[in-house]
Amino acid sequence: MNKCVERLNNGLVKENPTFVLMLGMCPTLAVTTSAINGLGMGLTTTVVLVMSNLMISMLRKIIPSNQRVPAFIVVVASFVTMVEFLLEGFVPSLYDSLGIYIPLIVVNCIILGRAESYASKNPVIPSIFDGLGMGLGFTLGLTSIAMVREILGNGTIFGQTIMPSFYEPITIFVLAPGAFFVVGCLTAFQNKMKTKNKLTDKLACNQGCLTCANKCASHK
């Protein structure tokens, strides 16, 4: 259970694919013009991540090592196709909004990266939680960026007006340059908070390195 929690924390915070690893930038910049699009793309990618990690982990002892990448792509493409048909059938408005970026999930480096680096080498349950953590981390990143862009660019959030009537929307935030600006600001804020936490931990250290169990820099 501790390993499963560690996998969730790894995807959500420690190695967040959007703000730490900076992976999957194409959909991150393109579909975050509204919060519902960011949330929809994040959850769609999460489903594909969990299911592909599950399948690849189950087949890891069967797939030949020299054929693993083509096999991974076949597995991922199968789940992307199923998710695409489900969105088209049951959520057509989201399907139309996300457009070409749904089939492009097949080549999302987050999914292939987790398949290669984790699911192909670990048991099923930790692999499922690894996909879930990375997917939720990706969803959190996309939704946060989309909320900021929608509020500043349209004065709304999830389609509901929240800004006062005198607010003049800043159109650039729903355009491509606004996406780069918001991603940069949120990444800088995340790095600032990480640096602040490390500094707090360092100040709290009593410098008793011989008896301390923490793996801080001065202990090495």
N, C-alpha and C. Protein backbone atom coordinates (compact mmCIF):
# COMPACT_ATOMS: atom_id res chain seq x y z
N MET A 1 0.82 -1.20 0.00
CA MET A 1 0.00 0.00 0.00
C MET A 1 0.86 1.26 0.00
N ASN A 2 1.99 1.23 0.76
CA ASN A 2 2.88 2.38 0.78
C ASN A 2 3.43 2.69 -0.60
N LYS A 3 3.72 1.62 -1.37
CA LYS A 3 4.24 1.83 -2.72
C LYS A 3 3.18 2.46 -3.62
N CYS A 4 1.92 2.09 -3.42
CA CYS A 4 0.84 2.68 -4.22
C CYS A 4 0.68 4.16 -3.90
N VAL A 5 0.72 4.51 -2.61
CA VAL A 5 0.63 5.91 -2.21
C VAL A 5 1.82 6.70 -2.74
N GLU A 6 2.99 6.08 -2.69
CA GLU A 6 4.20 6.74 -3.21
C GLU A 6 4.06 7.01 -4.71
N ARG A 7 3.44 6.08 -5.45
CA ARG A 7 3.24 6.29 -6.89
C ARG A 7 2.27 7.45 -7.14
N LEU A 8 1.22 7.55 -6.32
CA LEU A 8 0.27 8.66 -6.47
C LEU A 8 0.95 9.99 -6.18
N ASN A 9 1.70 10.05 -5.08
CA ASN A 9 2.40 11.28 -4.72
C ASN A 9 3.45 11.66 -5.77
N ASN A 10 4.08 10.64 -6.34
CA ASN A 10 5.09 10.90 -7.37
C ASN A 10 4.47 11.59 -8.59
N GLY A 11 3.31 11.11 -9.02
CA GLY A 11 2.68 11.70 -10.20
C GLY A 11 2.05 13.06 -9.94
N LEU A 12 1.47 13.20 -8.75
CA LEU A 12 0.76 14.46 -8.45
C LEU A 12 1.72 15.59 -8.09
N VAL A 13 2.81 15.28 -7.35
CA VAL A 13 3.67 16.34 -6.82
C VAL A 13 5.12 16.20 -7.29
N LYS A 14 5.78 15.12 -6.86
CA LYS A 14 7.23 15.00 -7.03
C LYS A 14 7.66 15.05 -8.49
N GLU A 15 6.97 14.32 -9.37
CA GLU A 15 7.30 14.31 -10.79
C GLU A 15 6.07 14.67 -11.62
N ASN A 16 5.39 15.73 -11.21
CA ASN A 16 4.20 16.16 -11.95
C ASN A 16 4.56 16.35 -13.43
N PRO A 17 3.84 15.67 -14.35
CA PRO A 17 4.25 15.71 -15.76
C PRO A 17 4.17 17.09 -16.40
N THR A 18 3.33 17.97 -15.87
CA THR A 18 3.17 19.30 -16.48
C THR A 18 4.15 20.31 -15.91
N PHE A 19 4.24 20.41 -14.58
CA PHE A 19 5.02 21.48 -13.97
C PHE A 19 6.45 21.07 -13.60
N VAL A 20 6.73 19.77 -13.53
CA VAL A 20 8.08 19.32 -13.15
C VAL A 20 8.79 18.69 -14.36
N LEU A 21 8.16 17.69 -14.98
CA LEU A 21 8.80 17.02 -16.11
C LEU A 21 8.61 17.77 -17.42
N MET A 22 7.61 18.68 -17.47
CA MET A 22 7.32 19.47 -18.68
C MET A 22 7.07 18.55 -19.88
N LEU A 23 6.24 17.52 -19.69
CA LEU A 23 5.89 16.60 -20.77
C LEU A 23 4.46 16.89 -21.24
N GLY A 24 4.16 16.42 -22.46
CA GLY A 24 2.81 16.61 -23.00
C GLY A 24 2.45 18.06 -23.22
N MET A 25 3.40 18.85 -23.70
CA MET A 25 3.17 20.28 -23.83
C MET A 25 2.21 20.65 -24.98
N CYS A 26 2.13 19.79 -26.02
CA CYS A 26 1.23 20.13 -27.14
C CYS A 26 -0.23 20.24 -26.68
N PRO A 27 -0.80 19.20 -26.07
CA PRO A 27 -2.18 19.36 -25.58
C PRO A 27 -2.28 20.38 -24.46
N THR A 28 -1.21 20.50 -23.65
CA THR A 28 -1.25 21.46 -22.54
C THR A 28 -1.45 22.88 -23.05
N LEU A 29 -0.76 23.24 -24.12
CA LEU A 29 -0.87 24.59 -24.66
C LEU A 29 -2.10 24.76 -25.54
N ALA A 30 -2.53 23.68 -26.20
CA ALA A 30 -3.56 23.82 -27.22
C ALA A 30 -4.99 23.75 -26.69
N VAL A 31 -5.25 22.88 -25.73
CA VAL A 31 -6.66 22.64 -25.35
C VAL A 31 -7.06 23.35 -24.07
N THR A 32 -6.16 24.12 -23.46
CA THR A 32 -6.48 24.74 -22.17
C THR A 32 -7.10 26.12 -22.32
N THR A 33 -7.87 26.31 -23.37
CA THR A 33 -8.57 27.59 -23.53
C THR A 33 -9.79 27.69 -22.62
N SER A 34 -10.24 26.56 -22.10
CA SER A 34 -11.35 26.57 -21.14
C SER A 34 -11.15 25.46 -20.13
N ALA A 35 -11.68 25.65 -18.93
CA ALA A 35 -11.48 24.69 -17.85
C ALA A 35 -12.07 23.32 -18.19
N ILE A 36 -13.22 23.31 -18.85
CA ILE A 36 -13.85 22.02 -19.17
C ILE A 36 -13.01 21.25 -20.18
N ASN A 37 -12.37 21.94 -21.11
CA ASN A 37 -11.48 21.27 -22.06
C ASN A 37 -10.26 20.68 -21.35
N GLY A 38 -9.65 21.47 -20.44
CA GLY A 38 -8.49 20.98 -19.69
C GLY A 38 -8.83 19.77 -18.86
N LEU A 39 -9.97 19.83 -18.15
CA LEU A 39 -10.40 18.71 -17.32
C LEU A 39 -10.71 17.49 -18.18
N GLY A 40 -11.40 17.71 -19.31
CA GLY A 40 -11.75 16.59 -20.20
C GLY A 40 -10.53 15.91 -20.79
N MET A 41 -9.57 16.69 -21.27
CA MET A 41 -8.36 16.09 -21.83
C MET A 41 -7.56 15.37 -20.76
N GLY A 42 -7.49 15.95 -19.55
CA GLY A 42 -6.75 15.31 -18.47
C GLY A 42 -7.36 13.97 -18.07
N LEU A 43 -8.68 13.92 -17.92
CA LEU A 43 -9.33 12.67 -17.53
C LEU A 43 -9.25 11.63 -18.64
N THR A 44 -9.36 12.08 -19.90
CA THR A 44 -9.24 11.15 -21.03
C THR A 44 -7.85 10.51 -21.04
N THR A 45 -6.82 11.33 -20.84
CA THR A 45 -5.45 10.80 -20.81
C THR A 45 -5.25 9.88 -19.61
N THR A 46 -5.88 10.20 -18.47
CA THR A 46 -5.76 9.36 -17.28
C THR A 46 -6.31 7.96 -17.53
N VAL A 47 -7.47 7.88 -18.18
CA VAL A 47 -8.07 6.57 -18.49
C VAL A 47 -7.12 5.75 -19.37
N VAL A 48 -6.56 6.39 -20.40
CA VAL A 48 -5.65 5.67 -21.30
C VAL A 48 -4.38 5.25 -20.54
N LEU A 49 -3.86 6.13 -19.69
CA LEU A 49 -2.66 5.80 -18.91
C LEU A 49 -2.88 4.60 -18.00
N VAL A 50 -3.97 4.59 -17.27
CA VAL A 50 -4.24 3.50 -16.32
C VAL A 50 -4.43 2.18 -17.07
N MET A 51 -5.24 2.21 -18.12
CA MET A 51 -5.53 0.97 -18.85
C MET A 51 -4.30 0.44 -19.59
N SER A 52 -3.52 1.33 -20.19
CA SER A 52 -2.32 0.87 -20.91
C SER A 52 -1.26 0.35 -19.94
N ASN A 53 -1.10 1.01 -18.78
CA ASN A 53 -0.16 0.50 -17.77
C ASN A 53 -0.60 -0.87 -17.27
N LEU A 54 -1.92 -1.03 -17.06
CA LEU A 54 -2.46 -2.32 -16.62
C LEU A 54 -2.13 -3.42 -17.64
N MET A 55 -2.43 -3.17 -18.89
CA MET A 55 -2.24 -4.19 -19.93
C MET A 55 -0.76 -4.50 -20.15
N ILE A 56 0.07 -3.45 -20.20
CA ILE A 56 1.50 -3.66 -20.47
C ILE A 56 2.17 -4.38 -19.30
N SER A 57 1.75 -4.08 -18.08
CA SER A 57 2.31 -4.78 -16.93
C SER A 57 1.93 -6.26 -16.94
N MET A 58 0.68 -6.56 -17.35
CA MET A 58 0.24 -7.96 -17.42
C MET A 58 1.01 -8.74 -18.49
N LEU A 59 1.38 -8.03 -19.58
CA LEU A 59 2.04 -8.71 -20.70
C LEU A 59 3.56 -8.57 -20.68
N ARG A 60 4.13 -7.99 -19.60
CA ARG A 60 5.55 -7.64 -19.60
C ARG A 60 6.48 -8.84 -19.75
N LYS A 61 6.02 -10.03 -19.31
CA LYS A 61 6.87 -11.22 -19.42
C LYS A 61 6.66 -11.95 -20.75
N ILE A 62 5.69 -11.50 -21.52
CA ILE A 62 5.38 -12.15 -22.81
C ILE A 62 5.96 -11.36 -23.98
N ILE A 63 5.92 -10.02 -23.87
CA ILE A 63 6.38 -9.17 -24.98
C ILE A 63 7.90 -9.26 -25.10
N PRO A 64 8.44 -9.63 -26.27
CA PRO A 64 9.91 -9.67 -26.46
C PRO A 64 10.50 -8.27 -26.30
N SER A 65 11.67 -8.18 -25.70
CA SER A 65 12.27 -6.88 -25.43
C SER A 65 12.55 -6.09 -26.70
N ASN A 66 12.89 -6.78 -27.80
CA ASN A 66 13.20 -6.06 -29.03
C ASN A 66 11.94 -5.64 -29.80
N GLN A 67 10.77 -6.06 -29.32
CA GLN A 67 9.49 -5.68 -29.96
C GLN A 67 8.62 -4.85 -29.03
N ARG A 68 9.20 -4.37 -27.93
CA ARG A 68 8.36 -3.77 -26.90
C ARG A 68 7.73 -2.44 -27.34
N VAL A 69 8.47 -1.59 -28.05
CA VAL A 69 7.91 -0.28 -28.43
C VAL A 69 6.72 -0.42 -29.38
N PRO A 70 6.84 -1.22 -30.49
CA PRO A 70 5.65 -1.41 -31.33
C PRO A 70 4.48 -2.01 -30.56
N ALA A 71 4.78 -2.95 -29.64
CA ALA A 71 3.71 -3.56 -28.86
C ALA A 71 3.04 -2.52 -27.96
N PHE A 72 3.85 -1.65 -27.33
CA PHE A 72 3.29 -0.60 -26.47
C PHE A 72 2.37 0.33 -27.27
N ILE A 73 2.81 0.68 -28.48
CA ILE A 73 2.00 1.60 -29.31
C ILE A 73 0.67 0.96 -29.70
N VAL A 74 0.69 -0.35 -30.00
CA VAL A 74 -0.55 -1.04 -30.35
C VAL A 74 -1.52 -1.02 -29.17
N VAL A 75 -1.00 -1.30 -27.97
CA VAL A 75 -1.84 -1.30 -26.77
C VAL A 75 -2.43 0.10 -26.52
N VAL A 76 -1.58 1.12 -26.56
CA VAL A 76 -2.03 2.49 -26.30
C VAL A 76 -3.04 2.93 -27.36
N ALA A 77 -2.76 2.64 -28.64
CA ALA A 77 -3.66 3.05 -29.72
C ALA A 77 -5.03 2.38 -29.59
N SER A 78 -5.04 1.14 -29.12
CA SER A 78 -6.33 0.45 -28.94
C SER A 78 -7.19 1.16 -27.90
N PHE A 79 -6.59 1.53 -26.78
CA PHE A 79 -7.37 2.21 -25.74
C PHE A 79 -7.75 3.63 -26.16
N VAL A 80 -6.88 4.31 -26.89
CA VAL A 80 -7.23 5.66 -27.38
C VAL A 80 -8.42 5.59 -28.33
N THR A 81 -8.44 4.58 -29.20
CA THR A 81 -9.56 4.42 -30.14
C THR A 81 -10.87 4.18 -29.39
N MET A 82 -10.81 3.33 -28.36
CA MET A 82 -12.02 3.06 -27.57
C MET A 82 -12.51 4.33 -26.87
N VAL A 83 -11.57 5.08 -26.27
CA VAL A 83 -11.96 6.31 -25.58
C VAL A 83 -12.51 7.34 -26.56
N GLU A 84 -11.92 7.41 -27.75
CA GLU A 84 -12.40 8.36 -28.76
C GLU A 84 -13.84 8.04 -29.17
N PHE A 85 -14.14 6.77 -29.39
CA PHE A 85 -15.51 6.39 -29.77
C PHE A 85 -16.49 6.68 -28.63
N LEU A 86 -16.06 6.44 -27.38
CA LEU A 86 -16.94 6.71 -26.24
C LEU A 86 -17.24 8.20 -26.12
N LEU A 87 -16.21 9.04 -26.31
CA LEU A 87 -16.44 10.49 -26.25
C LEU A 87 -17.36 10.94 -27.38
N GLU A 88 -17.13 10.40 -28.58
CA GLU A 88 -17.96 10.80 -29.73
C GLU A 88 -19.42 10.40 -29.51
N GLY A 89 -19.62 9.24 -28.86
CA GLY A 89 -20.98 8.76 -28.66
C GLY A 89 -21.71 9.40 -27.49
N PHE A 90 -20.97 9.66 -26.39
CA PHE A 90 -21.65 10.09 -25.17
C PHE A 90 -21.37 11.54 -24.79
N VAL A 91 -20.24 12.11 -25.22
CA VAL A 91 -19.93 13.52 -24.90
C VAL A 91 -19.50 14.22 -26.20
N PRO A 92 -20.42 14.37 -27.15
CA PRO A 92 -20.03 14.91 -28.47
C PRO A 92 -19.49 16.34 -28.40
N SER A 93 -19.97 17.14 -27.45
CA SER A 93 -19.47 18.53 -27.37
C SER A 93 -17.99 18.55 -26.98
N LEU A 94 -17.59 17.69 -26.02
CA LEU A 94 -16.18 17.61 -25.64
C LEU A 94 -15.36 17.00 -26.76
N TYR A 95 -15.94 16.02 -27.45
CA TYR A 95 -15.24 15.39 -28.59
C TYR A 95 -14.93 16.44 -29.66
N ASP A 96 -15.90 17.30 -29.96
CA ASP A 96 -15.68 18.35 -30.96
C ASP A 96 -14.66 19.37 -30.48
N SER A 97 -14.67 19.71 -29.18
CA SER A 97 -13.74 20.72 -28.65
C SER A 97 -12.29 20.23 -28.68
N LEU A 98 -12.08 18.96 -28.32
CA LEU A 98 -10.71 18.43 -28.26
C LEU A 98 -10.17 18.07 -29.64
N GLY A 99 -11.06 17.67 -30.55
CA GLY A 99 -10.70 17.46 -31.95
C GLY A 99 -9.53 16.50 -32.15
N ILE A 100 -8.54 16.95 -32.91
CA ILE A 100 -7.40 16.11 -33.32
C ILE A 100 -6.54 15.69 -32.13
N TYR A 101 -6.65 16.39 -31.00
CA TYR A 101 -5.79 16.07 -29.86
C TYR A 101 -6.20 14.77 -29.16
N ILE A 102 -7.39 14.23 -29.44
CA ILE A 102 -7.75 12.92 -28.87
C ILE A 102 -6.92 11.81 -29.52
N PRO A 103 -6.92 11.64 -30.85
CA PRO A 103 -6.06 10.58 -31.43
C PRO A 103 -4.58 10.80 -31.18
N LEU A 104 -4.17 12.06 -31.00
CA LEU A 104 -2.75 12.32 -30.75
C LEU A 104 -2.30 11.85 -29.36
N ILE A 105 -3.24 11.41 -28.51
CA ILE A 105 -2.85 10.84 -27.21
C ILE A 105 -1.95 9.61 -27.43
N VAL A 106 -2.09 8.96 -28.59
CA VAL A 106 -1.28 7.77 -28.90
C VAL A 106 0.21 8.08 -28.78
N VAL A 107 0.61 9.27 -29.22
CA VAL A 107 2.04 9.61 -29.22
C VAL A 107 2.40 10.52 -28.05
N ASN A 108 1.52 10.60 -27.05
CA ASN A 108 1.83 11.41 -25.86
C ASN A 108 3.02 10.78 -25.13
N CYS A 109 4.06 11.56 -24.93
CA CYS A 109 5.29 11.02 -24.35
C CYS A 109 5.10 10.60 -22.89
N ILE A 110 4.08 11.12 -22.21
CA ILE A 110 3.83 10.68 -20.83
C ILE A 110 3.44 9.20 -20.82
N ILE A 111 2.54 8.82 -21.73
CA ILE A 111 2.03 7.44 -21.74
C ILE A 111 3.12 6.45 -22.15
N LEU A 112 3.80 6.73 -23.26
CA LEU A 112 4.87 5.83 -23.69
C LEU A 112 6.02 5.81 -22.68
N GLY A 113 6.28 6.96 -22.06
CA GLY A 113 7.35 7.02 -21.05
C GLY A 113 7.05 6.16 -19.85
N ARG A 114 5.81 6.18 -19.35
CA ARG A 114 5.46 5.35 -18.18
C ARG A 114 5.43 3.87 -18.55
N ALA A 115 5.00 3.58 -19.78
CA ALA A 115 4.99 2.17 -20.21
C ALA A 115 6.41 1.62 -20.25
N GLU A 116 7.33 2.40 -20.79
CA GLU A 116 8.71 1.94 -20.94
C GLU A 116 9.46 1.92 -19.60
N SER A 117 9.30 2.99 -18.81
CA SER A 117 10.13 3.11 -17.61
C SER A 117 9.53 2.42 -16.39
N TYR A 118 8.20 2.18 -16.36
CA TYR A 118 7.63 1.61 -15.14
C TYR A 118 6.78 0.36 -15.39
N ALA A 119 5.73 0.47 -16.20
CA ALA A 119 4.79 -0.65 -16.33
C ALA A 119 5.44 -1.91 -16.88
N SER A 120 6.42 -1.76 -17.76
CA SER A 120 7.06 -2.94 -18.36
C SER A 120 8.03 -3.63 -17.41
N LYS A 121 8.24 -3.04 -16.21
CA LYS A 121 9.21 -3.61 -15.27
C LYS A 121 8.63 -3.88 -13.89
N ASN A 122 7.33 -3.58 -13.69
CA ASN A 122 6.75 -3.70 -12.34
C ASN A 122 5.42 -4.44 -12.38
N PRO A 123 4.98 -4.95 -11.19
CA PRO A 123 3.70 -5.67 -11.11
C PRO A 123 2.50 -4.80 -11.45
N VAL A 124 1.34 -5.45 -11.54
CA VAL A 124 0.13 -4.78 -12.05
C VAL A 124 -0.35 -3.65 -11.13
N ILE A 125 -0.51 -3.94 -9.83
CA ILE A 125 -1.12 -2.95 -8.93
C ILE A 125 -0.30 -1.65 -8.85
N PRO A 126 1.03 -1.72 -8.59
CA PRO A 126 1.79 -0.47 -8.59
C PRO A 126 1.75 0.25 -9.95
N SER A 127 1.69 -0.52 -11.04
CA SER A 127 1.63 0.10 -12.37
C SER A 127 0.31 0.86 -12.56
N ILE A 128 -0.79 0.30 -12.04
CA ILE A 128 -2.08 1.00 -12.12
C ILE A 128 -2.00 2.32 -11.35
N PHE A 129 -1.45 2.30 -10.16
CA PHE A 129 -1.35 3.52 -9.35
C PHE A 129 -0.35 4.50 -9.96
N ASP A 130 0.67 3.99 -10.63
CA ASP A 130 1.60 4.88 -11.33
C ASP A 130 0.87 5.64 -12.45
N GLY A 131 0.07 4.91 -13.23
CA GLY A 131 -0.71 5.57 -14.28
C GLY A 131 -1.73 6.52 -13.72
N LEU A 132 -2.38 6.13 -12.60
CA LEU A 132 -3.37 7.00 -11.98
C LEU A 132 -2.73 8.28 -11.45
N GLY A 133 -1.58 8.15 -10.79
CA GLY A 133 -0.91 9.33 -10.25
C GLY A 133 -0.46 10.28 -11.35
N MET A 134 0.15 9.73 -12.40
CA MET A 134 0.60 10.58 -13.51
C MET A 134 -0.59 11.22 -14.22
N GLY A 135 -1.66 10.44 -14.41
CA GLY A 135 -2.84 10.98 -15.08
C GLY A 135 -3.50 12.10 -14.28
N LEU A 136 -3.64 11.89 -12.97
CA LEU A 136 -4.25 12.93 -12.13
C LEU A 136 -3.34 14.16 -12.05
N GLY A 137 -2.02 13.93 -12.03
CA GLY A 137 -1.09 15.07 -12.05
C GLY A 137 -1.22 15.88 -13.33
N PHE A 138 -1.38 15.16 -14.46
CA PHE A 138 -1.58 15.82 -15.75
C PHE A 138 -2.92 16.57 -15.76
N THR A 139 -3.96 15.94 -15.20
CA THR A 139 -5.27 16.59 -15.13
C THR A 139 -5.22 17.84 -14.28
N LEU A 140 -4.54 17.75 -13.13
CA LEU A 140 -4.39 18.91 -12.25
C LEU A 140 -3.67 20.06 -12.97
N GLY A 141 -2.60 19.73 -13.69
CA GLY A 141 -1.86 20.76 -14.41
C GLY A 141 -2.70 21.43 -15.49
N LEU A 142 -3.37 20.62 -16.32
CA LEU A 142 -4.19 21.18 -17.41
C LEU A 142 -5.36 22.01 -16.88
N THR A 143 -6.02 21.50 -15.84
CA THR A 143 -7.18 22.22 -15.31
C THR A 143 -6.76 23.54 -14.67
N SER A 144 -5.62 23.54 -13.96
CA SER A 144 -5.15 24.78 -13.33
C SER A 144 -4.83 25.83 -14.39
N ILE A 145 -4.10 25.42 -15.42
CA ILE A 145 -3.75 26.36 -16.50
C ILE A 145 -5.01 26.87 -17.20
N ALA A 146 -5.95 25.96 -17.48
CA ALA A 146 -7.17 26.35 -18.19
C ALA A 146 -8.03 27.30 -17.36
N MET A 147 -8.08 27.08 -16.04
CA MET A 147 -8.89 27.96 -15.18
C MET A 147 -8.35 29.39 -15.20
N VAL A 148 -7.02 29.52 -15.10
CA VAL A 148 -6.42 30.85 -15.12
C VAL A 148 -6.68 31.53 -16.46
N ARG A 149 -6.48 30.79 -17.56
CA ARG A 149 -6.69 31.38 -18.90
C ARG A 149 -8.15 31.77 -19.12
N GLU A 150 -9.08 30.92 -18.66
CA GLU A 150 -10.50 31.22 -18.89
C GLU A 150 -10.95 32.41 -18.05
N ILE A 151 -10.48 32.49 -16.81
CA ILE A 151 -10.88 33.61 -15.95
C ILE A 151 -10.37 34.93 -16.52
N LEU A 152 -9.08 34.96 -16.86
CA LEU A 152 -8.50 36.21 -17.36
C LEU A 152 -8.92 36.52 -18.79
N GLY A 153 -9.10 35.48 -19.61
CA GLY A 153 -9.41 35.70 -21.02
C GLY A 153 -10.88 35.88 -21.34
N ASN A 154 -11.75 35.27 -20.50
CA ASN A 154 -13.19 35.36 -20.76
C ASN A 154 -13.99 35.89 -19.58
N GLY A 155 -13.39 35.89 -18.40
CA GLY A 155 -14.14 36.30 -17.21
C GLY A 155 -15.07 35.23 -16.70
N THR A 156 -14.86 33.99 -17.14
CA THR A 156 -15.73 32.88 -16.73
C THR A 156 -14.90 31.73 -16.19
N ILE A 157 -15.55 30.76 -15.56
CA ILE A 157 -14.90 29.52 -15.17
C ILE A 157 -15.91 28.40 -15.33
N PHE A 158 -15.52 27.35 -16.04
CA PHE A 158 -16.44 26.27 -16.45
C PHE A 158 -17.70 26.84 -17.10
N GLY A 159 -17.52 27.93 -17.85
CA GLY A 159 -18.64 28.53 -18.60
C GLY A 159 -19.50 29.48 -17.80
N GLN A 160 -19.26 29.63 -16.50
CA GLN A 160 -20.07 30.49 -15.64
C GLN A 160 -19.34 31.81 -15.38
N THR A 161 -20.03 32.92 -15.58
CA THR A 161 -19.43 34.24 -15.37
C THR A 161 -19.17 34.48 -13.89
N ILE A 162 -17.92 34.84 -13.56
CA ILE A 162 -17.58 35.11 -12.16
C ILE A 162 -17.00 36.51 -11.97
N MET A 163 -16.55 37.13 -13.06
CA MET A 163 -15.96 38.46 -12.94
C MET A 163 -17.05 39.52 -12.98
N PRO A 164 -16.84 40.66 -12.30
CA PRO A 164 -17.84 41.74 -12.31
C PRO A 164 -18.06 42.30 -13.71
N SER A 165 -19.20 42.99 -13.89
CA SER A 165 -19.61 43.45 -15.22
C SER A 165 -18.61 44.43 -15.83
N PHE A 166 -17.88 45.18 -14.98
CA PHE A 166 -16.94 46.16 -15.52
C PHE A 166 -15.61 45.52 -15.96
N TYR A 167 -15.43 44.22 -15.69
CA TYR A 167 -14.17 43.58 -16.07
C TYR A 167 -14.05 43.44 -17.59
N GLU A 168 -12.95 43.88 -18.12
CA GLU A 168 -12.69 43.77 -19.56
C GLU A 168 -11.79 42.56 -19.80
N PRO A 169 -12.28 41.47 -20.44
CA PRO A 169 -11.47 40.26 -20.66
C PRO A 169 -10.19 40.58 -21.43
N ILE A 170 -9.10 39.94 -21.00
CA ILE A 170 -7.79 40.11 -21.66
C ILE A 170 -7.66 38.99 -22.68
N THR A 171 -7.98 39.29 -23.92
CA THR A 171 -8.13 38.26 -24.95
C THR A 171 -6.88 37.42 -25.17
N ILE A 172 -5.71 38.01 -24.94
CA ILE A 172 -4.46 37.28 -25.24
C ILE A 172 -4.34 35.99 -24.43
N PHE A 173 -5.03 35.90 -23.29
CA PHE A 173 -4.91 34.71 -22.45
C PHE A 173 -5.61 33.49 -23.05
N VAL A 174 -6.52 33.68 -23.98
CA VAL A 174 -7.13 32.52 -24.66
C VAL A 174 -6.43 32.24 -25.99
N LEU A 175 -5.38 33.00 -26.28
CA LEU A 175 -4.57 32.76 -27.48
C LEU A 175 -3.28 32.04 -27.09
N ALA A 176 -2.51 31.61 -28.10
CA ALA A 176 -1.28 30.83 -27.84
C ALA A 176 -0.28 31.56 -26.94
N PRO A 177 0.00 32.85 -27.14
CA PRO A 177 0.96 33.52 -26.26
C PRO A 177 0.52 33.50 -24.79
N GLY A 178 -0.78 33.61 -24.55
CA GLY A 178 -1.27 33.55 -23.17
C GLY A 178 -1.01 32.20 -22.53
N ALA A 179 -1.07 31.12 -23.34
CA ALA A 179 -0.80 29.77 -22.82
C ALA A 179 0.64 29.68 -22.32
N PHE A 180 1.59 30.16 -23.12
CA PHE A 180 3.00 30.13 -22.70
C PHE A 180 3.20 30.94 -21.42
N PHE A 181 2.55 32.12 -21.35
CA PHE A 181 2.72 33.00 -20.19
C PHE A 181 2.18 32.34 -18.91
N VAL A 182 1.00 31.74 -18.99
CA VAL A 182 0.39 31.11 -17.81
C VAL A 182 1.19 29.88 -17.37
N VAL A 183 1.63 29.06 -18.33
CA VAL A 183 2.44 27.88 -17.99
C VAL A 183 3.73 28.32 -17.30
N GLY A 184 4.37 29.36 -17.83
CA GLY A 184 5.61 29.86 -17.22
C GLY A 184 5.39 30.37 -15.81
N CYS A 185 4.31 31.13 -15.60
CA CYS A 185 4.05 31.68 -14.26
C CYS A 185 3.72 30.59 -13.25
N LEU A 186 2.89 29.62 -13.63
CA LEU A 186 2.53 28.54 -12.70
C LEU A 186 3.73 27.64 -12.40
N THR A 187 4.57 27.40 -13.40
CA THR A 187 5.78 26.60 -13.16
C THR A 187 6.72 27.33 -12.22
N ALA A 188 6.89 28.65 -12.41
CA ALA A 188 7.74 29.43 -11.52
C ALA A 188 7.19 29.42 -10.09
N PHE A 189 5.86 29.52 -9.94
CA PHE A 189 5.24 29.48 -8.61
C PHE A 189 5.49 28.12 -7.95
N GLN A 190 5.36 27.02 -8.74
CA GLN A 190 5.59 25.68 -8.19
C GLN A 190 7.04 25.53 -7.75
N ASN A 191 7.99 26.05 -8.55
CA ASN A 191 9.40 25.96 -8.18
C ASN A 191 9.71 26.80 -6.94
N LYS A 192 9.04 27.96 -6.83
CA LYS A 192 9.23 28.81 -5.67
C LYS A 192 8.78 28.11 -4.39
N MET A 193 7.62 27.45 -4.46
CA MET A 193 7.10 26.74 -3.29
C MET A 193 8.01 25.57 -2.92
N LYS A 194 8.56 24.87 -3.95
CA LYS A 194 9.46 23.74 -3.68
C LYS A 194 10.73 24.23 -3.00
N THR A 195 11.28 25.36 -3.49
CA THR A 195 12.50 25.92 -2.90
C THR A 195 12.24 26.37 -1.47
N LYS A 196 11.07 26.97 -1.24
CA LYS A 196 10.73 27.43 0.10
C LYS A 196 10.63 26.27 1.08
N ASN A 197 10.03 25.16 0.64
CA ASN A 197 9.90 23.98 1.51
C ASN A 197 11.27 23.39 1.84
N LYS A 198 12.18 23.35 0.83
CA LYS A 198 13.52 22.82 1.10
C LYS A 198 14.27 23.69 2.09
N LEU A 199 14.09 25.05 1.96
CA LEU A 199 14.76 25.96 2.87
C LEU A 199 14.23 25.80 4.30
N THR A 200 12.90 25.60 4.41
CA THR A 200 12.30 25.39 5.73
C THR A 200 12.84 24.13 6.39
N ASP A 201 12.94 23.05 5.60
CA ASP A 201 13.48 21.80 6.13
C ASP A 201 14.92 21.96 6.59
N LYS A 202 15.69 22.74 5.80
CA LYS A 202 17.10 22.93 6.14
C LYS A 202 17.24 23.73 7.43
N LEU A 203 16.40 24.78 7.60
CA LEU A 203 16.46 25.59 8.81
C LEU A 203 16.02 24.80 10.03
N ALA A 204 15.12 23.82 9.82
CA ALA A 204 14.63 23.02 10.94
C ALA A 204 15.63 21.95 11.36
N CYS A 205 16.68 21.74 10.56
CA CYS A 205 17.67 20.72 10.88
C CYS A 205 18.49 21.14 12.10
N ASN A 206 18.69 20.21 13.04
CA ASN A 206 19.47 20.53 14.24
C ASN A 206 20.95 20.21 14.07
N GLN A 207 21.34 19.86 12.81
CA GLN A 207 22.74 19.60 12.47
C GLN A 207 23.33 18.41 13.22
N GLY A 208 22.49 17.57 13.81
CA GLY A 208 23.02 16.37 14.46
C GLY A 208 23.14 15.24 13.46
N CYS A 209 24.08 15.38 12.54
CA CYS A 209 24.13 14.50 11.37
C CYS A 209 24.41 13.05 11.73
N LEU A 210 25.16 12.78 12.77
CA LEU A 210 25.52 11.41 13.09
C LEU A 210 24.32 10.60 13.55
N THR A 211 23.33 11.28 14.17
CA THR A 211 22.16 10.56 14.67
C THR A 211 20.92 10.82 13.84
N CYS A 212 21.02 11.68 12.83
CA CYS A 212 19.86 12.07 12.03
C CYS A 212 19.59 11.03 10.95
N ALA A 213 18.30 10.66 10.73
CA ALA A 213 17.93 9.68 9.71
C ALA A 213 17.57 10.33 8.39
N ASN A 214 17.44 11.67 8.36
CA ASN A 214 17.07 12.35 7.12
C ASN A 214 18.22 12.33 6.13
N LYS A 215 17.90 12.26 4.84
CA LYS A 215 18.90 12.21 3.78
C LYS A 215 19.14 13.61 3.21
N CYS A 216 19.40 14.59 4.08
CA CYS A 216 19.66 15.94 3.60
C CYS A 216 21.09 16.02 3.08
N ALA A 217 21.40 17.16 2.41
CA ALA A 217 22.69 17.30 1.76
C ALA A 217 23.85 17.23 2.75
N SER A 218 23.68 17.84 3.94
CA SER A 218 24.75 17.85 4.92
C SER A 218 25.00 16.49 5.54
N HIS A 219 24.02 15.55 5.38
CA HIS A 219 24.14 14.22 5.97
C HIS A 219 24.94 13.29 5.07
N LYS A 220 25.04 13.65 3.75
CA LYS A 220 25.71 12.76 2.81
C LYS A 220 27.22 12.82 2.98
